[in-house]
Amino acid sequence: MARLTARFWVDAYLARLRLADIPAFVVAHGDDTGGAICVKLSTLDGQARLFSRQMNLETGASDWADLSAGPEPEMDALLARSRARDPDLWIIEVEDRAGRHLLDEPGL
């Protein structure tokens, strides 16, 4: 089975968020083919959560891990450090007061 490129996944994710009327945008454009992807969920109250795709070694499938949560400036600093270590990293910011990110839906 062929693996989706990072760019293809990001474009599909942003389209799915648009269909649900959830604002999202690319903060950092990583490598189109194989860059890792982090999703920052801002609840627009000064708080944020970070998610990253991680490989499940037992099943071989990828799952979205809830990496961290806290004040948005702290999450931004964590992402800046991650991006400094990995310039191929994609960062997607989702803004939703209800905390919707759709990462737990089938197909993502």
Protein backbone atom coordinates (compact mmCIF):
# COMPACT_ATOMS: atom_id res chain seq x y z
CA MET A 1 0.00 0.00 0.00
CA ALA A 2 1.37 3.41 -0.99
CA ARG A 3 1.88 5.98 1.72
CA LEU A 4 0.24 9.38 1.30
CA THR A 5 2.58 12.32 0.98
CA ALA A 6 2.50 14.87 3.79
CA ARG A 7 1.26 17.57 1.40
CA PHE A 8 -1.64 15.40 0.18
CA TRP A 9 -2.69 14.62 3.78
CA VAL A 10 -2.47 18.29 4.84
CA ASP A 11 -4.56 19.43 1.87
CA ALA A 12 -7.20 16.77 2.56
CA TYR A 13 -7.27 17.62 6.29
CA LEU A 14 -7.71 21.34 5.62
CA ALA A 15 -10.52 20.58 3.16
CA ARG A 16 -12.28 18.40 5.74
CA LEU A 17 -11.99 21.15 8.36
CA ARG A 18 -13.41 23.71 5.90
CA LEU A 19 -16.42 21.46 5.29
CA ALA A 20 -17.03 21.44 9.07
CA ASP A 21 -16.60 25.25 9.25
CA ILE A 22 -13.53 24.90 11.45
CA PRO A 23 -10.86 27.54 10.69
CA ALA A 24 -7.36 26.15 10.10
CA PHE A 25 -4.20 27.21 8.36
CA VAL A 26 -0.62 26.13 7.71
CA VAL A 27 1.77 27.85 10.14
CA ALA A 28 4.87 26.05 8.84
CA HIS A 29 5.17 24.27 5.49
CA GLY A 30 7.26 21.14 5.92
CA ASP A 31 8.62 18.69 3.40
CA ASP A 32 5.95 17.88 0.81
CA THR A 33 6.69 14.18 0.65
CA GLY A 34 7.70 13.00 4.09
CA GLY A 35 7.56 15.78 6.64
CA ALA A 36 6.15 15.06 10.08
CA ILE A 37 2.92 16.87 10.97
CA CYS A 38 1.92 18.61 14.21
CA VAL A 39 -1.55 20.03 14.76
CA LYS A 40 -2.06 22.85 17.25
CA LEU A 41 -5.62 23.24 18.46
CA SER A 42 -6.32 26.72 19.80
CA THR A 43 -9.56 27.05 21.76
CA LEU A 44 -9.30 30.85 21.52
CA ASP A 45 -9.24 31.26 25.29
CA GLY A 46 -5.46 31.39 25.68
CA GLN A 47 -5.13 27.60 25.81
CA ALA A 48 -3.93 25.14 23.18
CA ARG A 49 -3.29 21.40 22.63
CA LEU A 50 -0.67 19.81 20.43
CA PHE A 51 -1.17 16.61 18.46
CA SER A 52 1.32 14.59 16.44
CA ARG A 53 1.01 11.48 14.34
CA GLN A 54 2.85 8.55 15.88
CA MET A 55 3.39 5.06 14.56
CA ASN A 56 1.81 2.26 16.60
CA LEU A 57 4.59 -0.35 16.65
CA GLU A 58 2.19 -3.19 17.41
CA THR A 59 -0.28 -2.59 14.58
CA GLY A 60 1.85 -0.60 12.13
CA ALA A 61 -0.93 2.00 11.91
CA SER A 62 -0.46 5.64 12.73
CA ASP A 63 -2.40 7.25 15.56
CA TRP A 64 -2.74 10.86 16.66
CA ALA A 65 -1.09 11.41 20.05
CA ASP A 66 -2.11 14.24 22.35
CA LEU A 67 1.38 15.59 23.05
CA SER A 68 0.84 18.54 25.33
CA ALA A 69 -1.65 21.12 26.52
CA GLY A 70 -1.35 24.46 28.24
CA PRO A 71 -1.13 28.19 27.69
CA GLU A 72 -0.92 28.99 23.99
CA PRO A 73 2.40 30.90 24.21
CA GLU A 74 4.01 27.85 25.83
CA MET A 75 2.67 25.57 23.09
CA ASP A 76 3.96 28.01 20.44
CA ALA A 77 7.42 27.95 22.06
CA LEU A 78 7.39 24.15 22.09
CA LEU A 79 6.50 24.12 18.38
CA ALA A 80 9.23 26.67 17.60
CA ARG A 81 11.82 24.42 19.28
CA SER A 82 10.49 21.39 17.37
CA ARG A 83 10.62 23.26 14.08
CA ALA A 84 14.19 24.42 14.81
CA ARG A 85 15.22 20.75 15.24
CA ASP A 86 13.18 19.56 12.23
CA PRO A 87 12.77 22.07 9.39
CA ASP A 88 10.68 19.47 7.49
CA LEU A 89 7.97 19.65 10.17
CA TRP A 90 4.50 20.81 9.13
CA ILE A 91 2.55 22.84 11.70
CA ILE A 92 -1.19 23.18 11.21
CA GLU A 93 -3.18 25.51 13.48
CA VAL A 94 -6.85 24.76 14.08
CA GLU A 95 -9.01 27.35 15.85
CA ASP A 96 -12.20 26.14 17.47
CA ARG A 97 -13.78 27.23 20.75
CA ALA A 98 -15.48 23.83 21.12
CA GLY A 99 -12.13 22.04 20.77
CA ARG A 100 -12.96 20.20 17.53
CA HIS A 101 -10.00 19.00 15.50
CA LEU A 102 -11.46 15.98 13.61
CA LEU A 103 -8.26 13.94 14.10
CA ASP A 104 -10.29 11.22 15.80
CA GLU A 105 -12.53 10.75 12.75
CA PRO A 106 -12.13 7.79 10.36
CA GLY A 107 -9.76 8.42 7.49
CA LEU A 108 -7.42 10.73 9.35
